[in-house]
Amino acid sequence: MQFYRYKYVNGIVLTKWNVDEILRRAKEDTLINVSVDFGLRVVSVRVTGEHISFSDGTSLSVDMLSNIREGFAYKLINGKLLRLDFYADGNYYKLKPVAPTVAPTLEINGIQMHRTVGIDPWRDTIAKVSALGPLKNRKVLDICTGLGYTAIAEMLQGAEKVITIEKDVNVLFMASLNPWSRSLENEKIEIVVGDALQVIKELESESFDAVLHDPPRFSIAGELYSLEFYREIFGVLKKGGKLFHYTGEPGRHTNVDILKGIKRRLEEAGFEEIVWIDRAKGFRARKPY
């Protein structure tokens, strides 16, 4: 297996909300405190003429702030402002702000990787992880790392070890720029780079207490919703181990009932106690003892 060494890239993440606050409050005082990094920390900012200095020693001109557009995130690294979106391998990746002080989502080719309507990405994550029940001292397999939120939440909920699988290194690079992904830099979390269909076959059978499966939507990664893959998940779970499989609500606006097919295949794979968890938009299932 190919392991990925996560390393967070230091810097200050700014959004249009931050710019508006700095420019508005700069008229009131020359030294202000501003919440940055999507609300994770507060830095002191001093506005002197046409320059803005931050408490970490970095600075930029007021003119540079005019480059910050609504709907995008920017990172100030060594005095340079990097917009957190890019094209790579035929895809467009964007770290998308949701609100001033909540975790951002990842957008790939215009498709968001988290729920953001009536919920924010971190609360979406907690709903998914909580569906697995207690994780203290458990070993967890986390399928489809993304920005790493579920792996981080599993670790915070007491998991002894989290093995998380991600196919796309561009996603992991974006995670290295995202302050809310910073806790991936933890010895309890191991990131494996590869196709989950293949990686799972290299894992020891009955070695995980819980599995969280959070794949891209059915229309993009149908193979991760297949009976073959569900059987592989079943195989690596210990007896009595739990699976939470995020599905969203595919086919909600059509006559195609994809969810029935997913539940049927989970049953065929050997899972029992398969229940729909509405708050997390997915199925929880258990491997028989």
C-alpha atoms as a PDB file:
ATOM      1  CA  MET A   1       0.000   0.000   0.000  1.00  0.00           C
ATOM      2  CA  GLN A   2       1.088   3.561  -0.699  1.00  0.00           C
ATOM      3  CA  PHE A   3       0.888   5.809   2.347  1.00  0.00           C
ATOM      4  CA  TYR A   4       0.576   9.592   2.190  1.00  0.00           C
ATOM      5  CA  ARG A   5       2.414  11.816   4.669  1.00  0.00           C
ATOM      6  CA  TYR A   6       0.099  14.718   5.374  1.00  0.00           C
ATOM      7  CA  LYS A   7       1.782  18.042   6.131  1.00  0.00           C
ATOM      8  CA  TYR A   8      -0.208  21.191   6.765  1.00  0.00           C
ATOM      9  CA  VAL A   9       0.889  24.324   4.905  1.00  0.00           C
ATOM     10  CA  ASN A  10       1.017  27.272   7.303  1.00  0.00           C
ATOM     11  CA  GLY A  11      -0.551  30.581   6.367  1.00  0.00           C
ATOM     12  CA  ILE A  12      -3.622  32.727   6.939  1.00  0.00           C
ATOM     13  CA  VAL A  13      -6.825  31.865   5.085  1.00  0.00           C
ATOM     14  CA  LEU A  14      -8.959  34.848   4.136  1.00  0.00           C
ATOM     15  CA  THR A  15     -12.370  35.222   2.525  1.00  0.00           C
ATOM     16  CA  LYS A  16     -14.423  38.156   1.285  1.00  0.00           C
ATOM     17  CA  TRP A  17     -16.058  38.228   4.710  1.00  0.00           C
ATOM     18  CA  ASN A  18     -12.642  38.898   6.274  1.00  0.00           C
ATOM     19  CA  VAL A  19     -11.834  41.612   3.746  1.00  0.00           C
ATOM     20  CA  ASP A  20     -15.117  43.414   4.393  1.00  0.00           C
ATOM     21  CA  GLU A  21     -14.522  43.266   8.140  1.00  0.00           C
ATOM     22  CA  ILE A  22     -10.933  44.519   7.897  1.00  0.00           C
ATOM     23  CA  LEU A  23     -11.818  47.443   5.651  1.00  0.00           C
ATOM     24  CA  ARG A  24     -14.862  48.348   7.702  1.00  0.00           C
ATOM     25  CA  ARG A  25     -13.160  48.192  11.073  1.00  0.00           C
ATOM     26  CA  ALA A  26      -9.892  49.761   9.876  1.00  0.00           C
ATOM     27  CA  LYS A  27     -11.755  53.062   9.824  1.00  0.00           C
ATOM     28  CA  GLU A  28     -12.477  52.669  13.527  1.00  0.00           C
ATOM     29  CA  ASP A  29      -9.039  51.667  14.789  1.00  0.00           C
ATOM     30  CA  THR A  30      -5.598  50.866  13.389  1.00  0.00           C
ATOM     31  CA  LEU A  31      -5.253  47.615  15.380  1.00  0.00           C
ATOM     32  CA  ILE A  32      -8.081  45.092  15.219  1.00  0.00           C
ATOM     33  CA  ASN A  33      -8.657  41.405  15.910  1.00  0.00           C
ATOM     34  CA  VAL A  34     -10.052  39.363  13.022  1.00  0.00           C
ATOM     35  CA  SER A  35     -11.309  35.786  12.925  1.00  0.00           C
ATOM     36  CA  VAL A  36      -9.505  33.962  10.088  1.00  0.00           C
ATOM     37  CA  ASP A  37      -9.013  30.351   8.924  1.00  0.00           C
ATOM     38  CA  PHE A  38     -12.800  29.921   8.651  1.00  0.00           C
ATOM     39  CA  GLY A  39     -13.214  30.857  12.311  1.00  0.00           C
ATOM     40  CA  LEU A  40     -10.504  28.628  13.784  1.00  0.00           C
ATOM     41  CA  ARG A  41      -8.292  31.425  15.092  1.00  0.00           C
ATOM     42  CA  VAL A  42      -8.121  35.149  15.717  1.00  0.00           C
ATOM     43  CA  VAL A  43      -5.199  37.294  14.540  1.00  0.00           C
ATOM     44  CA  SER A  44      -4.317  40.915  15.156  1.00  0.00           C
ATOM     45  CA  VAL A  45      -4.336  43.118  12.084  1.00  0.00           C
ATOM     46  CA  ARG A  46      -2.812  46.562  11.762  1.00  0.00           C
ATOM     47  CA  VAL A  47      -3.728  48.835   8.887  1.00  0.00           C
ATOM     48  CA  THR A  48      -1.099  51.455   8.129  1.00  0.00           C
ATOM     49  CA  GLY A  49      -1.789  53.586   5.098  1.00  0.00           C
ATOM     50  CA  GLU A  50      -1.926  51.209   2.144  1.00  0.00           C
ATOM     51  CA  HIS A  51      -0.503  48.188   3.969  1.00  0.00           C
ATOM     52  CA  ILE A  52      -2.015  45.539   6.203  1.00  0.00           C
ATOM     53  CA  SER A  53       0.184  43.673   8.701  1.00  0.00           C
ATOM     54  CA  PHE A  54      -0.815  40.475  10.501  1.00  0.00           C
ATOM     55  CA  SER A  55       0.385  39.315  13.914  1.00  0.00           C
ATOM     56  CA  ASP A  56       2.290  36.382  12.366  1.00  0.00           C
ATOM     57  CA  GLY A  57       4.568  38.839  10.563  1.00  0.00           C
ATOM     58  CA  THR A  58       3.043  38.574   7.089  1.00  0.00           C
ATOM     59  CA  SER A  59       1.634  41.560   5.273  1.00  0.00           C
ATOM     60  CA  LEU A  60      -0.026  42.607   2.052  1.00  0.00           C
ATOM     61  CA  SER A  61      -1.167  45.784   0.382  1.00  0.00           C
ATOM     62  CA  VAL A  62      -4.715  47.058   0.570  1.00  0.00           C
ATOM     63  CA  ASP A  63      -4.793  46.769  -3.235  1.00  0.00           C
ATOM     64  CA  MET A  64      -4.245  42.994  -2.933  1.00  0.00           C
ATOM     65  CA  LEU A  65      -7.461  42.743  -0.940  1.00  0.00           C
ATOM     66  CA  SER A  66      -9.365  43.901  -4.014  1.00  0.00           C
ATOM     67  CA  ASN A  67      -8.380  40.581  -5.658  1.00  0.00           C
ATOM     68  CA  ILE A  68     -10.342  38.615  -3.067  1.00  0.00           C
ATOM     69  CA  ARG A  69     -13.670  37.588  -4.604  1.00  0.00           C
ATOM     70  CA  GLU A  70     -16.826  36.360  -2.974  1.00  0.00           C
ATOM     71  CA  GLY A  71     -17.227  32.578  -3.025  1.00  0.00           C
ATOM     72  CA  PHE A  72     -13.498  31.815  -2.943  1.00  0.00           C
ATOM     73  CA  ALA A  73     -10.914  31.215  -0.224  1.00  0.00           C
ATOM     74  CA  TYR A  74      -7.384  32.632  -0.312  1.00  0.00           C
ATOM     75  CA  LYS A  75      -4.260  31.771   1.654  1.00  0.00           C
ATOM     76  CA  LEU A  76      -1.584  34.277   2.564  1.00  0.00           C
ATOM     77  CA  ILE A  77       1.726  32.391   2.456  1.00  0.00           C
ATOM     78  CA  ASN A  78       4.998  34.298   2.832  1.00  0.00           C
ATOM     79  CA  GLY A  79       3.390  37.515   1.627  1.00  0.00           C
ATOM     80  CA  LYS A  80       1.797  35.924  -1.429  1.00  0.00           C
ATOM     81  CA  LEU A  81      -1.941  35.480  -1.827  1.00  0.00           C
ATOM     82  CA  LEU A  82      -2.910  32.068  -3.241  1.00  0.00           C
ATOM     83  CA  ARG A  83      -6.478  31.438  -4.376  1.00  0.00           C
ATOM     84  CA  LEU A  84      -7.501  27.972  -3.221  1.00  0.00           C
ATOM     85  CA  ASP A  85      -8.741  26.553  -6.478  1.00  0.00           C
ATOM     86  CA  PHE A  86      -6.932  24.888  -9.365  1.00  0.00           C
ATOM     87  CA  TYR A  87      -7.218  22.674 -12.421  1.00  0.00           C
ATOM     88  CA  ALA A  88      -5.388  19.342 -12.391  1.00  0.00           C
ATOM     89  CA  ASP A  89      -5.717  16.075 -14.282  1.00  0.00           C
ATOM     90  CA  GLY A  90      -8.756  17.326 -16.151  1.00  0.00           C
ATOM     91  CA  ASN A  91     -10.665  18.346 -13.023  1.00  0.00           C
ATOM     92  CA  TYR A  92     -11.413  21.640 -11.282  1.00  0.00           C
ATOM     93  CA  TYR A  93     -10.910  21.717  -7.505  1.00  0.00           C
ATOM     94  CA  LYS A  94     -12.128  24.488  -5.242  1.00  0.00           C
ATOM     95  CA  LEU A  95     -12.112  24.993  -1.475  1.00  0.00           C
ATOM     96  CA  LYS A  96     -15.490  26.643  -1.104  1.00  0.00           C
ATOM     97  CA  PRO A  97     -16.404  28.897   1.845  1.00  0.00           C
ATOM     98  CA  VAL A  98     -19.847  28.219   3.284  1.00  0.00           C
ATOM     99  CA  ALA A  99     -20.060  30.859   6.032  1.00  0.00           C
ATOM    100  CA  PRO A 100     -17.548  33.093   7.842  1.00  0.00           C
ATOM    101  CA  THR A 101     -16.811  30.757  10.757  1.00  0.00           C
ATOM    102  CA  VAL A 102     -17.630  27.200   9.634  1.00  0.00           C
ATOM    103  CA  ALA A 103     -15.660  24.495   7.849  1.00  0.00           C
ATOM    104  CA  PRO A 104     -15.475  24.902   4.067  1.00  0.00           C
ATOM    105  CA  THR A 105     -16.461  22.216   1.613  1.00  0.00           C
ATOM    106  CA  LEU A 106     -14.546  20.802  -1.317  1.00  0.00           C
ATOM    107  CA  GLU A 107     -16.011  21.295  -4.765  1.00  0.00           C
ATOM    108  CA  ILE A 108     -14.870  19.135  -7.687  1.00  0.00           C
ATOM    109  CA  ASN A 109     -16.149  20.077 -11.128  1.00  0.00           C
ATOM    110  CA  GLY A 110     -18.934  22.050  -9.471  1.00  0.00           C
ATOM    111  CA  ILE A 111     -20.086  19.187  -7.230  1.00  0.00           C
ATOM    112  CA  GLN A 112     -19.848  19.757  -3.476  1.00  0.00           C
ATOM    113  CA  MET A 113     -18.505  16.983  -1.268  1.00  0.00           C
ATOM    114  CA  HIS A 114     -20.569  17.943   1.810  1.00  0.00           C
ATOM    115  CA  ARG A 115     -24.116  18.953   2.594  1.00  0.00           C
ATOM    116  CA  THR A 116     -24.469  22.698   3.048  1.00  0.00           C
ATOM    117  CA  VAL A 117     -28.224  23.342   2.889  1.00  0.00           C
ATOM    118  CA  GLY A 118     -29.556  23.671   6.429  1.00  0.00           C
ATOM    119  CA  ILE A 119     -26.304  22.233   7.752  1.00  0.00           C
ATOM    120  CA  ASP A 120     -22.577  22.936   7.489  1.00  0.00           C
ATOM    121  CA  PRO A 121     -19.787  20.506   6.501  1.00  0.00           C
ATOM    122  CA  TRP A 122     -18.586  19.885  10.053  1.00  0.00           C
ATOM    123  CA  ARG A 123     -22.064  19.199  11.454  1.00  0.00           C
ATOM    124  CA  ASP A 124     -22.627  16.971   8.414  1.00  0.00           C
ATOM    125  CA  THR A 125     -19.460  15.102   9.391  1.00  0.00           C
ATOM    126  CA  ILE A 126     -20.489  14.701  13.046  1.00  0.00           C
ATOM    127  CA  ALA A 127     -23.863  13.296  11.970  1.00  0.00           C
ATOM    128  CA  LYS A 128     -22.124  10.636   9.862  1.00  0.00           C
ATOM    129  CA  VAL A 129     -19.561   9.636  12.480  1.00  0.00           C
ATOM    130  CA  SER A 130     -22.105   9.617  15.322  1.00  0.00           C
ATOM    131  CA  ALA A 131     -24.165   7.090  13.361  1.00  0.00           C
ATOM    132  CA  LEU A 132     -21.410   4.530  14.071  1.00  0.00           C
ATOM    133  CA  GLY A 133     -21.902   4.792  17.831  1.00  0.00           C
ATOM    134  CA  PRO A 134     -19.051   4.799  20.382  1.00  0.00           C
ATOM    135  CA  LEU A 135     -15.556   4.631  18.847  1.00  0.00           C
ATOM    136  CA  LYS A 136     -13.342   4.786  21.931  1.00  0.00           C
ATOM    137  CA  ASN A 137     -10.318   2.504  21.495  1.00  0.00           C
ATOM    138  CA  ARG A 138     -11.750   1.191  18.199  1.00  0.00           C
ATOM    139  CA  LYS A 139      -9.989   0.710  14.864  1.00  0.00           C
ATOM    140  CA  VAL A 140     -11.843   2.462  12.053  1.00  0.00           C
ATOM    141  CA  LEU A 141     -11.647   2.177   8.272  1.00  0.00           C
ATOM    142  CA  ASP A 142     -12.583   5.478   6.639  1.00  0.00           C
ATOM    143  CA  ILE A 143     -13.268   5.154   2.902  1.00  0.00           C
ATOM    144  CA  CYS A 144     -12.840   8.284   0.735  1.00  0.00           C
ATOM    145  CA  THR A 145     -10.804  10.735   2.821  1.00  0.00           C
ATOM    146  CA  GLY A 146     -11.724  13.939   1.004  1.00  0.00           C
ATOM    147  CA  LEU A 147     -10.731  16.863   3.226  1.00  0.00           C
ATOM    148  CA  GLY A 148     -10.341  14.413   6.096  1.00  0.00           C
ATOM    149  CA  TYR A 149     -13.221  15.614   8.242  1.00  0.00           C
ATOM    150  CA  THR A 150     -14.641  12.161   9.016  1.00  0.00           C
ATOM    151  CA  ALA A 151     -11.202  10.716   9.809  1.00  0.00           C
ATOM    152  CA  ILE A 152     -10.538  13.643  12.159  1.00  0.00           C
ATOM    153  CA  ALA A 153     -13.947  13.304  13.832  1.00  0.00           C
ATOM    154  CA  GLU A 154     -13.410   9.566  14.325  1.00  0.00           C
ATOM    155  CA  MET A 155     -10.090  10.278  16.006  1.00  0.00           C
ATOM    156  CA  LEU A 156     -11.666  12.986  18.187  1.00  0.00           C
ATOM    157  CA  GLN A 157     -14.370  10.524  19.228  1.00  0.00           C
ATOM    158  CA  GLY A 158     -11.701   8.264  20.666  1.00  0.00           C
ATOM    159  CA  ALA A 159     -10.719   5.907  17.852  1.00  0.00           C
ATOM    160  CA  GLU A 160      -7.395   4.243  18.568  1.00  0.00           C
ATOM    161  CA  LYS A 161      -6.498   4.040  14.865  1.00  0.00           C
ATOM    162  CA  VAL A 162      -8.040   5.385  11.660  1.00  0.00           C
ATOM    163  CA  ILE A 163      -7.013   4.056   8.261  1.00  0.00           C
ATOM    164  CA  THR A 164      -8.415   6.342   5.578  1.00  0.00           C
ATOM    165  CA  ILE A 165      -8.312   5.755   1.815  1.00  0.00           C
ATOM    166  CA  GLU A 166      -8.188   8.468  -0.871  1.00  0.00           C
ATOM    167  CA  LYS A 167      -7.734   7.920  -4.583  1.00  0.00           C
ATOM    168  CA  ASP A 168      -7.062  11.523  -5.641  1.00  0.00           C
ATOM    169  CA  VAL A 169      -3.811  13.161  -4.491  1.00  0.00           C
ATOM    170  CA  ASN A 170      -5.134  16.531  -5.673  1.00  0.00           C
ATOM    171  CA  VAL A 171      -7.791  16.295  -2.978  1.00  0.00           C
ATOM    172  CA  LEU A 172      -5.124  15.579  -0.369  1.00  0.00           C
ATOM    173  CA  PHE A 173      -3.115  18.564  -1.597  1.00  0.00           C
ATOM    174  CA  MET A 174      -6.160  20.777  -1.093  1.00  0.00           C
ATOM    175  CA  ALA A 175      -6.529  19.318   2.394  1.00  0.00           C
ATOM    176  CA  SER A 176      -2.952  20.416   3.146  1.00  0.00           C
ATOM    177  CA  LEU A 177      -4.067  24.013   2.558  1.00  0.00           C
ATOM    178  CA  ASN A 178      -7.297  23.783   4.565  1.00  0.00           C
ATOM    179  CA  PRO A 179      -7.119  24.788   8.259  1.00  0.00           C
ATOM    180  CA  TRP A 180     -10.037  22.498   9.122  1.00  0.00           C
ATOM    181  CA  SER A 181      -8.029  19.523   7.800  1.00  0.00           C
ATOM    182  CA  ARG A 182      -4.978  20.257   9.930  1.00  0.00           C
ATOM    183  CA  SER A 183      -5.656  17.469  12.457  1.00  0.00           C
ATOM    184  CA  LEU A 184      -4.948  14.899   9.735  1.00  0.00           C
ATOM    185  CA  GLU A 185      -1.367  15.470  10.860  1.00  0.00           C
ATOM    186  CA  ASN A 186      -1.832  12.963  13.679  1.00  0.00           C
ATOM    187  CA  GLU A 187      -0.134   9.621  14.350  1.00  0.00           C
ATOM    188  CA  LYS A 188      -3.511   7.959  14.914  1.00  0.00           C
ATOM    189  CA  ILE A 189      -4.520   8.645  11.298  1.00  0.00           C
ATOM    190  CA  GLU A 190      -2.914   6.840   8.358  1.00  0.00           C
ATOM    191  CA  ILE A 191      -3.779   7.921   4.815  1.00  0.00           C
ATOM    192  CA  VAL A 192      -3.564   5.339   2.054  1.00  0.00           C
ATOM    193  CA  VAL A 193      -3.452   6.580  -1.548  1.00  0.00           C
ATOM    194  CA  GLY A 194      -5.182   4.292  -3.982  1.00  0.00           C
ATOM    195  CA  ASP A 195      -8.403   2.974  -5.435  1.00  0.00           C
ATOM    196  CA  ALA A 196     -10.522   1.737  -2.535  1.00  0.00           C
ATOM    197  CA  LEU A 197     -11.647  -1.208  -4.680  1.00  0.00           C
ATOM    198  CA  GLN A 198      -8.059  -2.477  -4.696  1.00  0.00           C
ATOM    199  CA  VAL A 199      -6.769  -1.191  -1.364  1.00  0.00           C
ATOM    200  CA  ILE A 200      -9.489  -2.923   0.648  1.00  0.00           C
ATOM    201  CA  LYS A 201      -8.336  -6.283  -0.752  1.00  0.00           C
ATOM    202  CA  GLU A 202      -4.931  -5.710   0.841  1.00  0.00           C
ATOM    203  CA  LEU A 203      -6.364  -5.133   4.313  1.00  0.00           C
ATOM    204  CA  GLU A 204      -6.472  -7.890   6.902  1.00  0.00           C
ATOM    205  CA  SER A 205      -9.837  -9.620   7.202  1.00  0.00           C
ATOM    206  CA  GLU A 206     -11.932  -8.922  10.294  1.00  0.00           C
ATOM    207  CA  SER A 207      -9.498  -6.232  11.481  1.00  0.00           C
ATOM    208  CA  PHE A 208     -11.779  -3.182  11.857  1.00  0.00           C
ATOM    209  CA  ASP A 209     -14.359  -2.410  14.513  1.00  0.00           C
ATOM    210  CA  ALA A 210     -16.154   0.108  12.315  1.00  0.00           C
ATOM    211  CA  VAL A 211     -16.221   1.337   8.713  1.00  0.00           C
ATOM    212  CA  LEU A 212     -17.374   4.720   7.495  1.00  0.00           C
ATOM    213  CA  HIS A 213     -18.005   4.674   3.753  1.00  0.00           C
ATOM    214  CA  ASP A 214     -18.528   8.165   2.307  1.00  0.00           C
ATOM    215  CA  PRO A 215     -18.160   7.799  -1.471  1.00  0.00           C
ATOM    216  CA  PRO A 216     -18.843  10.336  -4.231  1.00  0.00           C
ATOM    217  CA  ARG A 217     -22.389  10.288  -5.561  1.00  0.00           C
ATOM    218  CA  PHE A 218     -23.723   7.137  -7.183  1.00  0.00           C
ATOM    219  CA  SER A 219     -23.614   8.589 -10.714  1.00  0.00           C
ATOM    220  CA  ILE A 220     -19.866   9.280 -10.385  1.00  0.00           C
ATOM    221  CA  ALA A 221     -18.578   6.243  -8.473  1.00  0.00           C
ATOM    222  CA  GLY A 222     -21.161   3.504  -8.915  1.00  0.00           C
ATOM    223  CA  GLU A 223     -18.526   0.803  -8.341  1.00  0.00           C
ATOM    224  CA  LEU A 224     -18.305   1.891  -4.684  1.00  0.00           C
ATOM    225  CA  TYR A 225     -22.007   1.001  -4.332  1.00  0.00           C
ATOM    226  CA  SER A 226     -21.609  -2.480  -5.829  1.00  0.00           C
ATOM    227  CA  LEU A 227     -22.294  -5.833  -4.216  1.00  0.00           C
ATOM    228  CA  GLU A 228     -18.640  -6.767  -4.796  1.00  0.00           C
ATOM    229  CA  PHE A 229     -17.417  -3.784  -2.794  1.00  0.00           C
ATOM    230  CA  TYR A 230     -19.956  -4.286  -0.011  1.00  0.00           C
ATOM    231  CA  ARG A 231     -18.670  -7.863   0.347  1.00  0.00           C
ATOM    232  CA  GLU A 232     -15.128  -6.513   0.707  1.00  0.00           C
ATOM    233  CA  ILE A 233     -16.275  -4.136   3.467  1.00  0.00           C
ATOM    234  CA  PHE A 234     -18.074  -7.031   5.162  1.00  0.00           C
ATOM    235  CA  GLY A 235     -14.857  -9.046   5.033  1.00  0.00           C
ATOM    236  CA  VAL A 236     -12.639  -6.483   6.802  1.00  0.00           C
ATOM    237  CA  LEU A 237     -15.171  -5.833   9.595  1.00  0.00           C
ATOM    238  CA  LYS A 238     -14.942  -7.756  12.828  1.00  0.00           C
ATOM    239  CA  LYS A 239     -18.000  -9.763  13.880  1.00  0.00           C
ATOM    240  CA  GLY A 240     -20.485  -7.313  15.349  1.00  0.00           C
ATOM    241  CA  GLY A 241     -18.717  -4.406  13.626  1.00  0.00           C
ATOM    242  CA  LYS A 242     -20.752  -1.499  12.284  1.00  0.00           C
ATOM    243  CA  LEU A 243     -20.861   0.199   8.899  1.00  0.00           C
ATOM    244  CA  PHE A 244     -22.203   3.645   8.157  1.00  0.00           C
ATOM    245  CA  HIS A 245     -22.650   4.179   4.436  1.00  0.00           C
ATOM    246  CA  TYR A 246     -23.410   7.753   3.388  1.00  0.00           C
ATOM    247  CA  THR A 247     -25.565   7.779   0.264  1.00  0.00           C
ATOM    248  CA  GLY A 248     -27.306  11.128   0.218  1.00  0.00           C
ATOM    249  CA  GLU A 249     -30.670  10.945  -1.476  1.00  0.00           C
ATOM    250  CA  PRO A 250     -29.989   9.835  -5.069  1.00  0.00           C
ATOM    251  CA  GLY A 251     -33.051   9.656  -7.302  1.00  0.00           C
ATOM    252  CA  ARG A 252     -35.012  11.984  -5.018  1.00  0.00           C
ATOM    253  CA  HIS A 253     -36.282  13.928  -8.016  1.00  0.00           C
ATOM    254  CA  THR A 254     -36.738  10.932 -10.303  1.00  0.00           C
ATOM    255  CA  ASN A 255     -38.605   7.647 -10.319  1.00  0.00           C
ATOM    256  CA  VAL A 256     -35.358   5.688  -9.862  1.00  0.00           C
ATOM    257  CA  ASP A 257     -35.168   4.258  -6.332  1.00  0.00           C
ATOM    258  CA  ILE A 258     -31.436   3.787  -5.917  1.00  0.00           C
ATOM    259  CA  LEU A 259     -31.676   3.481  -2.134  1.00  0.00           C
ATOM    260  CA  LYS A 260     -33.694   0.259  -2.351  1.00  0.00           C
ATOM    261  CA  GLY A 261     -30.963  -1.258  -4.514  1.00  0.00           C
ATOM    262  CA  ILE A 262     -28.265  -0.193  -2.055  1.00  0.00           C
ATOM    263  CA  LYS A 263     -30.119  -1.736   0.896  1.00  0.00           C
ATOM    264  CA  ARG A 264     -30.746  -4.956  -1.028  1.00  0.00           C
ATOM    265  CA  ARG A 265     -27.067  -5.302  -1.944  1.00  0.00           C
ATOM    266  CA  LEU A 266     -26.013  -4.695   1.673  1.00  0.00           C
ATOM    267  CA  GLU A 267     -28.338  -7.525   2.695  1.00  0.00           C
ATOM    268  CA  GLU A 268     -26.904  -9.777  -0.013  1.00  0.00           C
ATOM    269  CA  ALA A 269     -23.401  -8.983   1.236  1.00  0.00           C
ATOM    270  CA  GLY A 270     -24.396 -10.356   4.645  1.00  0.00           C
ATOM    271  CA  PHE A 271     -25.178  -7.244   6.688  1.00  0.00           C
ATOM    272  CA  GLU A 272     -28.071  -7.162   9.145  1.00  0.00           C
ATOM    273  CA  GLU A 273     -29.928  -4.478  11.108  1.00  0.00           C
ATOM    274  CA  ILE A 274     -29.767  -2.184   8.079  1.00  0.00           C
ATOM    275  CA  VAL A 275     -31.494   1.071   9.009  1.00  0.00           C
ATOM    276  CA  TRP A 276     -31.771   4.469   7.362  1.00  0.00           C
ATOM    277  CA  ILE A 277     -30.304   7.289   9.500  1.00  0.00           C
ATOM    278  CA  ASP A 278     -32.074  10.353   8.204  1.00  0.00           C
ATOM    279  CA  ARG A 279     -29.995  12.945  10.075  1.00  0.00           C
ATOM    280  CA  ALA A 280     -26.880  11.562   8.373  1.00  0.00           C
ATOM    281  CA  LYS A 281     -28.503  10.577   5.038  1.00  0.00           C
ATOM    282  CA  GLY A 282     -27.216   7.054   4.905  1.00  0.00           C
ATOM    283  CA  PHE A 283     -27.528   3.451   6.062  1.00  0.00           C
ATOM    284  CA  ARG A 284     -26.142   1.957   9.241  1.00  0.00           C
ATOM    285  CA  ALA A 285     -25.620  -1.796   9.202  1.00  0.00           C
ATOM    286  CA  ARG A 286     -23.990  -4.442  11.367  1.00  0.00           C
ATOM    287  CA  LYS A 287     -21.993  -7.571  10.647  1.00  0.00           C
ATOM    288  CA  PRO A 288     -23.535 -10.541  12.507  1.00  0.00           C
ATOM    289  CA  TYR A 289     -21.722 -12.012  15.504  1.00  0.00           C
END
